[in-house]
Amino acid sequence: MIRLYAFLGNHGREYHGNRHNVAWQFLETLPFYGELRWERGFKGRFAVREAEGGRLWFLKPETYMNLSGDSVAQLMRFHHIEPEELLAIHDELEMALGSFGFKMGGGLGGHNGLRSLEARLGTRDFARLRFGIGRPEHPDIAGYVLSDFSREERELLECRVFPRAAEALQLCMTEGFSEALAKYPKVKVEP
C-alpha cells in the first residue's frame, strides 16, 4: 500500500508555473486538496489524510528539486515508511505533453529529483506517477524544465490530463498501486 505521496517540485512563486512543477500543479487540482491541512516539517510541507487502510501522507519538499530526497527520506524515517510505500509524482521529459502514467522503479532519465531520492533511499525501486512534459528540440534542458507552460498547454493539463490523473490516483489510494499500474501504465490524453 502506498502511504506517502511525494509531489516533486521547486519551492518559490517564480517556479510555480514551470514544467518542472507539474506535480505541484496537479496536486492543487485534486478534489480533496482543499481539505488537506498543511504543516511545515521534514524540510517541506506535509498533510495527513485518514483513509480506510490507515493514514496517507502528502509531501511537498521545499528543498528544491535537486535535494528532494532529503525531505522525503526524513519523513519516511520518522514515520517508518518503506520505499515500497512511496509514490513519487514528477515531470517526465521522455513522455509527450498530455501523457501520464504509473511506473515501478526503472531508470532516472536524468531527473535530479529522482536521483536525489535514489541517493537518500538507497534504491530506485519505488513507485512513480509521471506527467509528460515532452523533450525540447533545443539542447537547453534546464531552461526548458524551468520554463512555464503556455496558456494552451496549461489548459490541456487542467481540463483534460489532471482530471484523468486524479481518477488514476484515487484508484491507487483505494485499490492499491498494482491496480493503478495495470490500468494506467501510460495514458495519452487527446486535446
Protein backbone atom coordinates (compact mmCIF):
# COMPACT_ATOMS: atom_id res chain seq x y z
CA MET A 1 0.00 0.00 0.00
CA ILE A 2 1.23 3.48 -0.85
CA ARG A 3 1.42 5.56 2.34
CA LEU A 4 3.48 8.54 1.14
CA TYR A 5 2.64 10.65 -1.91
CA ALA A 6 5.64 12.90 -2.63
CA PHE A 7 4.97 15.68 -5.15
CA LEU A 8 8.33 16.81 -6.52
CA GLY A 9 8.84 20.44 -7.48
CA ASN A 10 10.67 23.68 -6.75
CA HIS A 11 9.66 25.94 -3.90
CA GLY A 12 9.02 29.61 -4.70
CA ARG A 13 6.49 31.71 -6.56
CA GLU A 14 8.79 32.12 -9.56
CA TYR A 15 8.74 28.35 -10.16
CA HIS A 16 5.01 27.76 -9.74
CA GLY A 17 4.08 27.60 -13.44
CA ASN A 18 7.24 25.73 -14.53
CA ARG A 19 7.15 22.41 -16.34
CA HIS A 20 9.31 21.00 -13.52
CA ASN A 21 6.47 21.82 -11.09
CA VAL A 22 3.73 19.91 -12.89
CA ALA A 23 3.33 17.60 -9.86
CA TRP A 24 2.55 20.56 -7.57
CA GLN A 25 0.14 21.94 -10.18
CA PHE A 26 -1.60 18.55 -10.30
CA LEU A 27 -1.79 18.37 -6.50
CA GLU A 28 -3.62 21.70 -6.35
CA THR A 29 -6.38 20.36 -8.64
CA LEU A 30 -7.14 17.21 -6.63
CA PRO A 31 -10.76 17.13 -5.39
CA PHE A 32 -9.66 16.76 -1.75
CA TYR A 33 -6.83 19.34 -1.90
CA GLY A 34 -8.88 21.97 -0.06
CA GLU A 35 -9.49 19.55 2.81
CA LEU A 36 -5.78 18.96 3.47
CA ARG A 37 -4.28 20.79 6.45
CA TRP A 38 -0.69 21.60 5.59
CA GLU A 39 2.03 21.80 8.21
CA ARG A 40 5.73 22.62 7.99
CA GLY A 41 8.24 19.90 8.72
CA PHE A 42 10.59 17.38 7.12
CA LYS A 43 12.12 20.19 5.02
CA GLY A 44 8.81 20.82 3.30
CA ARG A 45 5.08 20.97 3.78
CA PHE A 46 3.09 17.87 4.61
CA ALA A 47 -0.51 16.88 5.21
CA VAL A 48 -2.16 13.73 6.51
CA ARG A 49 -5.40 12.20 5.29
CA GLU A 50 -7.18 9.37 7.04
CA ALA A 51 -8.10 6.53 4.70
CA GLU A 52 -9.69 3.13 5.03
CA GLY A 53 -6.30 1.39 5.16
CA GLY A 54 -4.67 3.92 7.50
CA ARG A 55 -3.02 7.30 7.26
CA LEU A 56 -1.84 8.71 3.95
CA TRP A 57 0.92 11.31 3.88
CA PHE A 58 1.20 14.04 1.24
CA LEU A 59 4.52 15.87 0.94
CA LYS A 60 5.76 18.90 -0.99
CA PRO A 61 9.54 19.02 -0.45
CA GLU A 62 10.79 22.61 -0.18
CA THR A 63 14.44 21.71 -0.68
CA TYR A 64 14.30 22.45 -4.41
CA MET A 65 14.11 19.59 -6.86
CA ASN A 66 17.77 18.53 -6.68
CA LEU A 67 17.52 17.75 -2.95
CA SER A 68 14.02 16.27 -2.86
CA GLY A 69 15.38 13.08 -1.32
CA ASP A 70 16.41 14.94 1.85
CA SER A 71 12.81 15.84 2.62
CA VAL A 72 11.28 12.53 1.53
CA ALA A 73 13.82 10.39 3.43
CA GLN A 74 13.37 12.43 6.60
CA LEU A 75 9.59 11.90 6.65
CA MET A 76 9.96 8.24 5.76
CA ARG A 77 12.44 7.60 8.58
CA PHE A 78 10.31 9.41 11.15
CA HIS A 79 7.09 7.60 10.21
CA HIS A 80 8.67 4.21 9.39
CA ILE A 81 7.62 4.27 5.74
CA GLU A 82 9.40 1.84 3.42
CA PRO A 83 10.46 2.61 -0.18
CA GLU A 84 7.72 0.29 -1.49
CA GLU A 85 5.17 2.53 0.28
CA LEU A 86 6.31 5.67 -1.59
CA LEU A 87 4.79 7.17 -4.74
CA ALA A 88 6.89 9.93 -6.31
CA ILE A 89 4.89 12.25 -8.57
CA HIS A 90 7.07 14.09 -11.09
CA ASP A 91 7.58 15.53 -14.56
CA GLU A 92 8.90 13.30 -17.35
CA LEU A 93 10.85 14.57 -20.37
CA GLU A 94 10.57 11.25 -22.22
CA MET A 95 6.77 11.38 -22.35
CA ALA A 96 4.79 13.74 -24.57
CA LEU A 97 2.80 16.56 -23.06
CA GLY A 98 -0.69 15.23 -22.44
CA SER A 99 0.60 11.86 -21.21
CA PHE A 100 0.73 10.45 -17.72
CA GLY A 101 1.17 7.04 -16.20
CA PHE A 102 2.34 4.90 -13.31
CA LYS A 103 5.65 3.08 -13.29
CA MET A 104 7.57 0.96 -10.81
CA GLY A 105 11.29 1.61 -10.49
CA GLY A 106 13.42 1.87 -13.59
CA GLY A 107 15.84 4.48 -14.82
CA LEU A 108 16.16 8.04 -13.62
CA GLY A 109 16.17 9.70 -17.05
CA GLY A 110 18.49 12.45 -15.86
CA HIS A 111 15.85 13.66 -13.39
CA ASN A 112 17.67 15.24 -10.47
CA GLY A 113 14.74 14.83 -8.09
CA LEU A 114 14.70 11.07 -8.75
CA ARG A 115 18.50 10.94 -8.42
CA SER A 116 18.21 12.58 -5.02
CA LEU A 117 15.55 10.06 -3.95
CA GLU A 118 17.76 7.16 -5.03
CA ALA A 119 20.76 8.63 -3.21
CA ARG A 120 18.87 9.10 0.07
CA LEU A 121 16.78 5.90 -0.05
CA GLY A 122 19.48 3.61 -1.43
CA THR A 123 17.15 2.30 -4.13
CA ARG A 124 15.34 3.36 -7.27
CA ASP A 125 12.68 0.71 -6.71
CA PHE A 126 9.81 2.97 -5.75
CA ALA A 127 6.52 3.71 -7.45
CA ARG A 128 6.12 6.73 -9.70
CA LEU A 129 3.37 8.75 -11.30
CA ARG A 130 4.86 10.58 -14.27
CA PHE A 131 3.49 13.56 -16.16
CA GLY A 132 4.82 14.03 -19.68
CA ILE A 133 6.26 17.45 -20.45
CA GLY A 134 7.92 16.47 -23.74
CA ARG A 135 11.52 16.97 -24.74
CA PRO A 136 12.56 20.28 -26.33
CA GLU A 137 14.11 20.44 -29.79
CA HIS A 138 16.99 22.53 -28.41
CA PRO A 139 19.74 21.30 -26.04
CA ASP A 140 18.87 23.61 -23.10
CA ILE A 141 17.06 21.06 -20.92
CA ALA A 142 17.44 23.08 -17.70
CA GLY A 143 15.98 26.18 -19.33
CA TYR A 144 13.13 24.12 -20.74
CA VAL A 145 12.06 22.42 -17.50
CA LEU A 146 12.27 25.77 -15.69
CA SER A 147 10.10 27.49 -18.30
CA ASP A 148 6.36 27.97 -17.79
CA PHE A 149 3.70 26.06 -19.66
CA SER A 150 1.95 28.08 -22.36
CA ARG A 151 -1.70 29.00 -21.88
CA GLU A 152 -2.76 26.24 -24.29
CA GLU A 153 -0.59 23.67 -22.51
CA ARG A 154 -1.99 24.67 -19.10
CA GLU A 155 -5.50 24.35 -20.47
CA LEU A 156 -4.76 20.82 -21.76
CA LEU A 157 -3.35 19.82 -18.37
CA GLU A 158 -6.05 21.40 -16.22
CA CYS A 159 -9.06 20.41 -18.34
CA ARG A 160 -8.05 17.02 -19.74
CA VAL A 161 -4.95 15.49 -18.13
CA PHE A 162 -5.30 16.32 -14.43
CA PRO A 163 -8.92 15.10 -14.11
CA ARG A 164 -7.98 11.70 -15.63
CA ALA A 165 -4.85 11.51 -13.49
CA ALA A 166 -6.92 12.33 -10.39
CA GLU A 167 -9.10 9.28 -11.16
CA ALA A 168 -5.94 7.20 -11.52
CA LEU A 169 -4.55 8.47 -8.21
CA GLN A 170 -7.84 7.74 -6.47
CA LEU A 171 -7.68 4.16 -7.76
CA CYS A 172 -4.14 3.90 -6.38
CA MET A 173 -5.33 5.12 -2.97
CA THR A 174 -8.35 2.82 -2.76
CA GLU A 175 -7.35 -0.33 -4.68
CA GLY A 176 -3.56 -0.17 -4.50
CA PHE A 177 -0.64 0.63 -6.74
CA SER A 178 -0.77 -2.66 -8.70
CA GLU A 179 -4.33 -1.97 -9.81
CA ALA A 180 -3.45 1.61 -10.81
CA LEU A 181 -0.35 0.45 -12.69
CA ALA A 182 -2.35 -2.19 -14.58
CA LYS A 183 -5.00 0.31 -15.65
CA TYR A 184 -2.86 3.44 -16.17
CA PRO A 185 0.68 2.45 -17.24
CA LYS A 186 0.69 5.21 -19.85
CA VAL A 187 -2.25 7.32 -20.90
CA LYS A 188 -2.22 9.81 -23.76
CA VAL A 189 -4.99 12.38 -23.38
CA GLU A 190 -6.06 13.90 -26.67
CA PRO A 191 -6.57 17.70 -26.76
